[in-house]
Amino acid sequence: MRLIDRLKFIVDTNVGKLARWLRMMGYDTIFFSGSSDSQLVATALAENRVILTRDTQIMKRRLVTNGRLKAVLIQSDVPEKQMGQVIEALNLDCQFQPFSICLECNQPLAENSQQQGKERVPPYVFKTRSQ
């Protein structure tokens, strides 16, 4: 399994559910829980990430308005509509790569053999799964 490597995202707290949705699709997405918009912008710039936010002040920053930093102002409160807006605005490829990124920590997932997982799963799961 490979990660979708075209775009990387940073989402702020006001659209946090998008992080899980994008990870489900295989996109590298970090959830920014810091308190400073400047930190969010600096992280996005340093890591070449697209900002997803409902914060209109971020959209007014010079790095965004001059096109140096890509950002999408999310319009809806509804996660499904938010995801639709992101897909449309960035012309995302909807050919998912599920189970390629951890939904919680954004780290790539690796396939393991049954033996490698023996100590980490309940006995029933070990007996009934091969991977």
Protein backbone atom coordinates (compact mmCIF):
# COMPACT_ATOMS: atom_id res chain seq x y z
CA MET A 1 0.00 0.00 0.00
CA ARG A 2 1.30 3.46 -0.83
CA LEU A 3 0.11 6.78 0.46
CA ILE A 4 -1.53 9.18 -1.91
CA ASP A 5 1.35 11.57 -2.35
CA ARG A 6 -0.05 14.41 -4.41
CA LEU A 7 -1.38 16.64 -1.64
CA LYS A 8 -0.85 16.93 2.08
CA PHE A 9 -3.28 18.71 4.35
CA ILE A 10 -3.43 20.54 7.65
CA VAL A 11 -6.86 21.03 9.20
CA ASP A 12 -7.59 23.31 12.10
CA THR A 13 -9.90 22.59 15.01
CA ASN A 14 -12.98 24.08 13.39
CA VAL A 15 -12.99 21.36 10.68
CA GLY A 16 -11.25 18.58 12.61
CA LYS A 17 -13.46 15.76 11.32
CA LEU A 18 -12.03 16.31 7.86
CA ALA A 19 -8.71 14.88 9.08
CA ARG A 20 -10.23 11.41 9.56
CA TRP A 21 -12.12 11.55 6.26
CA LEU A 22 -9.02 12.52 4.30
CA ARG A 23 -6.94 9.86 6.06
CA MET A 24 -9.60 7.30 5.13
CA MET A 25 -8.98 8.29 1.52
CA GLY A 26 -5.23 7.86 1.98
CA TYR A 27 -4.21 11.52 2.19
CA ASP A 28 -1.50 12.64 4.62
CA THR A 29 -3.46 14.94 6.93
CA ILE A 30 -2.47 16.52 10.22
CA PHE A 31 -4.83 18.00 12.78
CA PHE A 32 -3.58 21.33 14.08
CA SER A 33 -4.61 21.89 17.68
CA GLY A 34 -2.34 24.84 18.39
CA SER A 35 -3.72 28.19 19.42
CA SER A 36 -1.91 30.41 16.94
CA ASP A 37 -2.92 30.98 13.34
CA SER A 38 0.71 31.95 12.71
CA GLN A 39 1.83 28.48 13.83
CA LEU A 40 -0.73 26.86 11.54
CA VAL A 41 0.45 28.91 8.57
CA ALA A 42 4.13 28.29 9.37
CA THR A 43 3.55 24.53 9.59
CA ALA A 44 1.61 24.49 6.33
CA LEU A 45 4.35 26.44 4.58
CA ALA A 46 7.22 24.37 6.00
CA GLU A 47 5.57 21.04 5.16
CA ASN A 48 3.91 22.11 1.89
CA ARG A 49 0.39 21.42 3.17
CA VAL A 50 -2.98 22.75 2.04
CA ILE A 51 -4.86 24.50 4.85
CA LEU A 52 -8.49 23.53 5.41
CA THR A 53 -10.29 25.96 7.70
CA ARG A 54 -13.46 27.92 8.46
CA ASP A 55 -11.38 30.82 9.80
CA THR A 56 -11.77 33.79 7.46
CA GLN A 57 -8.76 35.55 9.03
CA ILE A 58 -6.42 32.82 7.76
CA MET A 59 -7.78 33.36 4.26
CA LYS A 60 -6.76 37.06 4.47
CA ARG A 61 -3.11 36.33 5.18
CA ARG A 62 -0.68 37.52 2.53
CA LEU A 63 0.78 34.04 1.92
CA VAL A 64 -2.71 32.80 1.06
CA THR A 65 -3.88 35.81 -0.95
CA ASN A 66 -0.71 35.89 -3.07
CA GLY A 67 -1.02 32.17 -3.84
CA ARG A 68 2.17 31.05 -2.13
CA LEU A 69 0.14 28.94 0.29
CA LYS A 70 -2.98 27.02 -0.75
CA ALA A 71 -5.98 27.22 1.59
CA VAL A 72 -9.64 26.29 1.28
CA LEU A 73 -12.28 28.15 3.28
CA ILE A 74 -14.79 25.49 4.27
CA GLN A 75 -18.39 26.71 4.03
CA SER A 76 -20.46 24.06 5.81
CA ASP A 77 -20.69 22.69 9.35
CA VAL A 78 -21.66 19.26 7.98
CA PRO A 79 -18.64 16.94 7.54
CA GLU A 80 -20.07 15.24 4.44
CA LYS A 81 -20.60 18.60 2.74
CA GLN A 82 -17.16 19.77 3.87
CA MET A 83 -15.61 16.71 2.25
CA GLY A 84 -17.56 17.33 -0.94
CA GLN A 85 -16.29 20.90 -1.05
CA VAL A 86 -12.67 19.79 -0.59
CA ILE A 87 -12.98 17.14 -3.31
CA GLU A 88 -14.47 19.68 -5.71
CA ALA A 89 -12.20 22.61 -4.84
CA LEU A 90 -8.99 20.59 -5.19
CA ASN A 91 -10.18 18.14 -7.83
CA LEU A 92 -9.21 15.21 -5.59
CA ASP A 93 -8.94 11.72 -6.95
CA CYS A 94 -11.67 9.77 -5.20
CA GLN A 95 -9.99 6.42 -5.76
CA PHE A 96 -9.46 5.71 -2.10
CA GLN A 97 -6.56 3.88 -0.56
CA PRO A 98 -8.31 2.77 2.62
CA PHE A 99 -6.29 1.37 5.50
CA SER A 100 -3.12 3.03 4.24
CA ILE A 101 -2.95 5.65 7.03
CA CYS A 102 -3.88 5.40 10.70
CA LEU A 103 -7.03 7.45 11.26
CA GLU A 104 -5.79 8.54 14.68
CA CYS A 105 -2.09 9.34 14.29
CA ASN A 106 -1.66 9.83 10.49
CA GLN A 107 1.18 7.28 10.28
CA PRO A 108 1.40 4.83 7.35
CA LEU A 109 0.00 1.40 8.12
CA ALA A 110 2.05 -1.70 7.38
CA GLU A 111 0.62 -5.09 6.59
CA ASN A 112 1.65 -7.75 9.10
CA SER A 113 1.51 -11.52 9.07
CA GLN A 114 -0.74 -13.38 11.45
CA GLN A 115 2.24 -14.32 13.66
CA GLN A 116 3.40 -10.71 13.93
CA GLY A 117 0.04 -9.72 15.39
CA LYS A 118 -0.42 -12.64 17.76
CA GLU A 119 0.40 -10.71 20.94
CA ARG A 120 -1.56 -7.62 19.91
CA VAL A 121 -4.99 -9.05 19.14
CA PRO A 122 -7.61 -11.05 21.04
CA PRO A 123 -7.39 -14.86 20.61
CA TYR A 124 -10.55 -15.03 18.47
CA VAL A 125 -9.18 -12.45 16.04
CA PHE A 126 -5.88 -14.33 15.85
CA LYS A 127 -7.67 -17.58 14.99
CA THR A 128 -9.97 -16.09 12.36
CA ARG A 129 -7.68 -13.65 10.49
CA SER A 130 -4.62 -14.31 8.36
CA GLN A 131 -3.24 -10.74 8.29
